[in-house]
Amino acid sequence: MGEPMEKISMDPEVLSGKPVIKGTRIPVYLIIQLLANGMTEKEILSQYTTLKKQDIKAALVYASKCLENEETIVI
C-alpha cells in the first residue's frame, strides 16, 4: 500500500501545481472540504469513483502535515 504521502502529487501542469491525488485531477483541498461539510467517506468514494479509501487518508495526512508547523490563525 505504501505511505499515504506517496499518493499525493504536485505537478505545475496539473491544477497549477496544487496537491492532488496521484493519477487524478482531484485536489487534496476538495477532499478536505467534502469531509468538513459532512460528506462521508463512502459518499465521496461513490461520487469520485477513481478514489480509494487510502486516497482520502492520504489527503488527511497531507493536510495534517501542512498544518503541523503553521501558526495559529485567528478567525
C-alpha atoms as a PDB file:
ATOM      1  CA  MET A   1       0.000   0.000   0.000  1.00  0.00           C
ATOM      2  CA  GLY A   2       2.879   2.417   0.682  1.00  0.00           C
ATOM      3  CA  GLU A   3       2.973   5.583   2.698  1.00  0.00           C
ATOM      4  CA  PRO A   4      -0.020   7.941   2.464  1.00  0.00           C
ATOM      5  CA  MET A   5       2.176  10.820   1.298  1.00  0.00           C
ATOM      6  CA  GLU A   6       3.240   8.771  -1.751  1.00  0.00           C
ATOM      7  CA  LYS A   7      -0.319   9.156  -3.031  1.00  0.00           C
ATOM      8  CA  ILE A   8      -0.020  12.960  -3.261  1.00  0.00           C
ATOM      9  CA  SER A   9       1.338  14.610  -6.390  1.00  0.00           C
ATOM     10  CA  MET A  10       2.192  18.210  -7.263  1.00  0.00           C
ATOM     11  CA  ASP A  11       2.803  18.978 -10.912  1.00  0.00           C
ATOM     12  CA  PRO A  12       2.773  22.506 -12.371  1.00  0.00           C
ATOM     13  CA  GLU A  13       0.911  21.074 -15.380  1.00  0.00           C
ATOM     14  CA  VAL A  14      -1.948  19.733 -13.212  1.00  0.00           C
ATOM     15  CA  LEU A  15      -4.194  22.268 -11.437  1.00  0.00           C
ATOM     16  CA  SER A  16      -1.359  24.808 -11.346  1.00  0.00           C
ATOM     17  CA  GLY A  17       0.715  22.583  -9.062  1.00  0.00           C
ATOM     18  CA  LYS A  18      -1.880  22.214  -6.326  1.00  0.00           C
ATOM     19  CA  PRO A  19      -1.562  18.917  -4.416  1.00  0.00           C
ATOM     20  CA  VAL A  20      -3.765  16.237  -5.967  1.00  0.00           C
ATOM     21  CA  ILE A  21      -4.275  12.535  -5.536  1.00  0.00           C
ATOM     22  CA  LYS A  22      -1.653  10.957  -7.779  1.00  0.00           C
ATOM     23  CA  GLY A  23      -3.034   9.877 -11.146  1.00  0.00           C
ATOM     24  CA  THR A  24      -6.115  12.106 -10.817  1.00  0.00           C
ATOM     25  CA  ARG A  25      -7.036  15.760 -11.017  1.00  0.00           C
ATOM     26  CA  ILE A  26      -8.792  15.564  -7.644  1.00  0.00           C
ATOM     27  CA  PRO A  27      -7.226  18.148  -5.330  1.00  0.00           C
ATOM     28  CA  VAL A  28      -6.497  17.437  -1.691  1.00  0.00           C
ATOM     29  CA  TYR A  29      -8.389  20.566  -0.648  1.00  0.00           C
ATOM     30  CA  LEU A  30     -11.586  19.236  -2.269  1.00  0.00           C
ATOM     31  CA  ILE A  31     -11.466  16.027  -0.247  1.00  0.00           C
ATOM     32  CA  ILE A  32     -10.925  18.011   2.962  1.00  0.00           C
ATOM     33  CA  GLN A  33     -13.803  20.362   2.080  1.00  0.00           C
ATOM     34  CA  LEU A  34     -16.160  17.469   1.370  1.00  0.00           C
ATOM     35  CA  LEU A  35     -15.350  15.835   4.702  1.00  0.00           C
ATOM     36  CA  ALA A  36     -15.662  19.163   6.551  1.00  0.00           C
ATOM     37  CA  ASN A  37     -19.080  19.696   5.009  1.00  0.00           C
ATOM     38  CA  GLY A  38     -20.330  16.377   6.332  1.00  0.00           C
ATOM     39  CA  MET A  39     -19.877  14.068   3.389  1.00  0.00           C
ATOM     40  CA  THR A  40     -18.964  10.562   4.483  1.00  0.00           C
ATOM     41  CA  GLU A  41     -16.030   8.602   3.146  1.00  0.00           C
ATOM     42  CA  LYS A  42     -18.476   6.217   1.485  1.00  0.00           C
ATOM     43  CA  GLU A  43     -20.291   9.109  -0.236  1.00  0.00           C
ATOM     44  CA  ILE A  44     -17.026  10.570  -1.504  1.00  0.00           C
ATOM     45  CA  LEU A  45     -15.898   7.210  -2.859  1.00  0.00           C
ATOM     46  CA  SER A  46     -19.217   6.703  -4.652  1.00  0.00           C
ATOM     47  CA  GLN A  47     -19.123  10.201  -6.186  1.00  0.00           C
ATOM     48  CA  TYR A  48     -15.419  10.071  -7.156  1.00  0.00           C
ATOM     49  CA  THR A  49     -15.026   6.517  -8.378  1.00  0.00           C
ATOM     50  CA  THR A  50     -11.312   6.846  -9.147  1.00  0.00           C
ATOM     51  CA  LEU A  51     -10.584   7.461  -5.458  1.00  0.00           C
ATOM     52  CA  LYS A  52      -9.720   4.750  -2.966  1.00  0.00           C
ATOM     53  CA  LYS A  53     -10.085   4.769   0.804  1.00  0.00           C
ATOM     54  CA  GLN A  54      -6.296   5.189   1.087  1.00  0.00           C
ATOM     55  CA  ASP A  55      -6.507   8.351  -1.039  1.00  0.00           C
ATOM     56  CA  ILE A  56      -8.810  10.005   1.475  1.00  0.00           C
ATOM     57  CA  LYS A  57      -6.444   9.036   4.280  1.00  0.00           C
ATOM     58  CA  ALA A  58      -3.529  10.459   2.271  1.00  0.00           C
ATOM     59  CA  ALA A  59      -5.381  13.774   1.851  1.00  0.00           C
ATOM     60  CA  LEU A  60      -5.948  13.977   5.605  1.00  0.00           C
ATOM     61  CA  VAL A  61      -2.321  13.110   6.380  1.00  0.00           C
ATOM     62  CA  TYR A  62      -1.126  15.719   3.877  1.00  0.00           C
ATOM     63  CA  ALA A  63      -3.361  18.413   5.380  1.00  0.00           C
ATOM     64  CA  SER A  64      -2.203  17.478   8.872  1.00  0.00           C
ATOM     65  CA  LYS A  65       1.465  17.719   7.877  1.00  0.00           C
ATOM     66  CA  CYS A  66       0.874  21.113   6.253  1.00  0.00           C
ATOM     67  CA  LEU A  67      -0.760  22.462   9.395  1.00  0.00           C
ATOM     68  CA  GLU A  68       1.616  20.862  11.868  1.00  0.00           C
ATOM     69  CA  ASN A  69       4.098  23.723  11.828  1.00  0.00           C
ATOM     70  CA  GLU A  70       1.746  26.557  10.956  1.00  0.00           C
ATOM     71  CA  GLU A  71       0.988  29.370  13.330  1.00  0.00           C
ATOM     72  CA  THR A  72      -2.498  29.690  14.758  1.00  0.00           C
ATOM     73  CA  ILE A  73      -4.801  31.786  12.609  1.00  0.00           C
ATOM     74  CA  VAL A  74      -7.460  33.792  14.413  1.00  0.00           C
ATOM     75  CA  ILE A  75     -10.763  33.718  12.544  1.00  0.00           C
END
